[in-house]
Amino acid sequence: MACPNGCIGGGGQPPASNARKRERMEAIFKADEACELKIPQQNPALKYVYDELLKGRAHELLHIHYPLHGHH
């Protein structure tokens, strides 16, 4: 299921006119431009979590694997 106009117009947002959705979009882009960190790998807190707490086990601990239907 896709959100109309992306997440800006998604089910978690109050109903809005196209003009209001445009305002939301512009605000999100403005906030993004103001952020120093652009990708999660630049975040020192996440680096600490991955390096010190997960210690190379991120894939094992954070990913879910579902068995194929009919296979055990």
C-alpha atoms as a PDB file:
ATOM      1  CA  MET A   1       0.000   0.000   0.000  1.00  0.00           C
ATOM      2  CA  ALA A   2       1.474   3.335  -1.000  1.00  0.00           C
ATOM      3  CA  CYS A   3       0.644   6.678   0.547  1.00  0.00           C
ATOM      4  CA  PRO A   4      -0.977   9.281  -1.716  1.00  0.00           C
ATOM      5  CA  ASN A   5       1.752  11.843  -2.516  1.00  0.00           C
ATOM      6  CA  GLY A   6       4.238   9.785  -0.495  1.00  0.00           C
ATOM      7  CA  CYS A   7       4.540  10.018   3.277  1.00  0.00           C
ATOM      8  CA  ILE A   8       3.527  13.685   3.214  1.00  0.00           C
ATOM      9  CA  GLY A   9      -0.032  12.585   2.433  1.00  0.00           C
ATOM     10  CA  GLY A  10       0.060   9.214   4.180  1.00  0.00           C
ATOM     11  CA  GLY A  11      -2.369   7.593   6.562  1.00  0.00           C
ATOM     12  CA  GLY A  12      -0.492   8.890   9.607  1.00  0.00           C
ATOM     13  CA  GLN A  13      -1.039  12.489   8.558  1.00  0.00           C
ATOM     14  CA  PRO A  14      -4.226  14.489   9.069  1.00  0.00           C
ATOM     15  CA  PRO A  15      -6.233  15.039   5.890  1.00  0.00           C
ATOM     16  CA  ALA A  16      -5.009  18.082   4.005  1.00  0.00           C
ATOM     17  CA  SER A  17      -5.336  20.010   0.778  1.00  0.00           C
ATOM     18  CA  ASN A  18      -2.618  19.841  -1.863  1.00  0.00           C
ATOM     19  CA  ALA A  19      -1.438  23.290  -0.717  1.00  0.00           C
ATOM     20  CA  ARG A  20      -1.024  22.023   2.865  1.00  0.00           C
ATOM     21  CA  LYS A  21       0.821  18.926   1.630  1.00  0.00           C
ATOM     22  CA  ARG A  22       3.148  21.198  -0.356  1.00  0.00           C
ATOM     23  CA  GLU A  23       3.831  23.208   2.827  1.00  0.00           C
ATOM     24  CA  ARG A  24       4.666  19.966   4.677  1.00  0.00           C
ATOM     25  CA  MET A  25       7.010  18.890   1.896  1.00  0.00           C
ATOM     26  CA  GLU A  26       8.801  22.252   1.855  1.00  0.00           C
ATOM     27  CA  ALA A  27       9.203  22.161   5.659  1.00  0.00           C
ATOM     28  CA  ILE A  28      10.726  18.685   5.527  1.00  0.00           C
ATOM     29  CA  PHE A  29      13.206  19.712   2.820  1.00  0.00           C
ATOM     30  CA  LYS A  30      14.111  22.843   4.806  1.00  0.00           C
ATOM     31  CA  ALA A  31      14.695  20.786   7.969  1.00  0.00           C
ATOM     32  CA  ASP A  32      16.801  18.302   5.999  1.00  0.00           C
ATOM     33  CA  GLU A  33      18.973  21.084   4.587  1.00  0.00           C
ATOM     34  CA  ALA A  34      19.662  22.306   8.140  1.00  0.00           C
ATOM     35  CA  CYS A  35      20.848  18.871   9.336  1.00  0.00           C
ATOM     36  CA  GLU A  36      24.575  18.334   9.641  1.00  0.00           C
ATOM     37  CA  LEU A  37      24.229  14.559   9.379  1.00  0.00           C
ATOM     38  CA  LYS A  38      22.884  13.349   6.054  1.00  0.00           C
ATOM     39  CA  ILE A  39      23.349   9.594   6.376  1.00  0.00           C
ATOM     40  CA  PRO A  40      23.054   7.306   9.427  1.00  0.00           C
ATOM     41  CA  GLN A  41      26.685   6.222   9.110  1.00  0.00           C
ATOM     42  CA  GLN A  42      27.731   9.784  10.049  1.00  0.00           C
ATOM     43  CA  ASN A  43      25.875   9.667  13.377  1.00  0.00           C
ATOM     44  CA  PRO A  44      28.311   9.156  16.301  1.00  0.00           C
ATOM     45  CA  ALA A  45      25.570   7.618  18.472  1.00  0.00           C
ATOM     46  CA  LEU A  46      24.795   4.971  15.839  1.00  0.00           C
ATOM     47  CA  LYS A  47      28.482   4.318  15.313  1.00  0.00           C
ATOM     48  CA  TYR A  48      28.775   3.618  19.036  1.00  0.00           C
ATOM     49  CA  VAL A  49      25.783   1.258  18.946  1.00  0.00           C
ATOM     50  CA  TYR A  50      27.131  -0.688  15.979  1.00  0.00           C
ATOM     51  CA  ASP A  51      30.768  -0.756  17.094  1.00  0.00           C
ATOM     52  CA  GLU A  52      30.461  -1.132  20.863  1.00  0.00           C
ATOM     53  CA  LEU A  53      27.085  -2.709  21.545  1.00  0.00           C
ATOM     54  CA  LEU A  54      26.346  -4.886  18.514  1.00  0.00           C
ATOM     55  CA  LYS A  55      30.021  -5.708  17.868  1.00  0.00           C
ATOM     56  CA  GLY A  56      29.592  -7.093  14.364  1.00  0.00           C
ATOM     57  CA  ARG A  57      26.307  -8.872  15.139  1.00  0.00           C
ATOM     58  CA  ALA A  58      23.988  -6.240  13.617  1.00  0.00           C
ATOM     59  CA  HIS A  59      22.822  -8.420  10.738  1.00  0.00           C
ATOM     60  CA  GLU A  60      22.195 -11.379  13.027  1.00  0.00           C
ATOM     61  CA  LEU A  61      20.364  -9.345  15.666  1.00  0.00           C
ATOM     62  CA  LEU A  62      18.491  -6.774  13.578  1.00  0.00           C
ATOM     63  CA  HIS A  63      17.310  -8.746  10.546  1.00  0.00           C
ATOM     64  CA  ILE A  64      14.413 -11.177  10.400  1.00  0.00           C
ATOM     65  CA  HIS A  65      14.541 -14.225   8.191  1.00  0.00           C
ATOM     66  CA  TYR A  66      11.314 -15.943   7.241  1.00  0.00           C
ATOM     67  CA  PRO A  67      11.343 -19.562   6.132  1.00  0.00           C
ATOM     68  CA  LEU A  68      10.117 -20.220   2.634  1.00  0.00           C
ATOM     69  CA  HIS A  69       6.584 -21.572   2.457  1.00  0.00           C
ATOM     70  CA  GLY A  70       6.589 -25.357   2.744  1.00  0.00           C
ATOM     71  CA  HIS A  71      10.281 -25.568   3.661  1.00  0.00           C
ATOM     72  CA  HIS A  72      11.515 -26.213   7.181  1.00  0.00           C
END
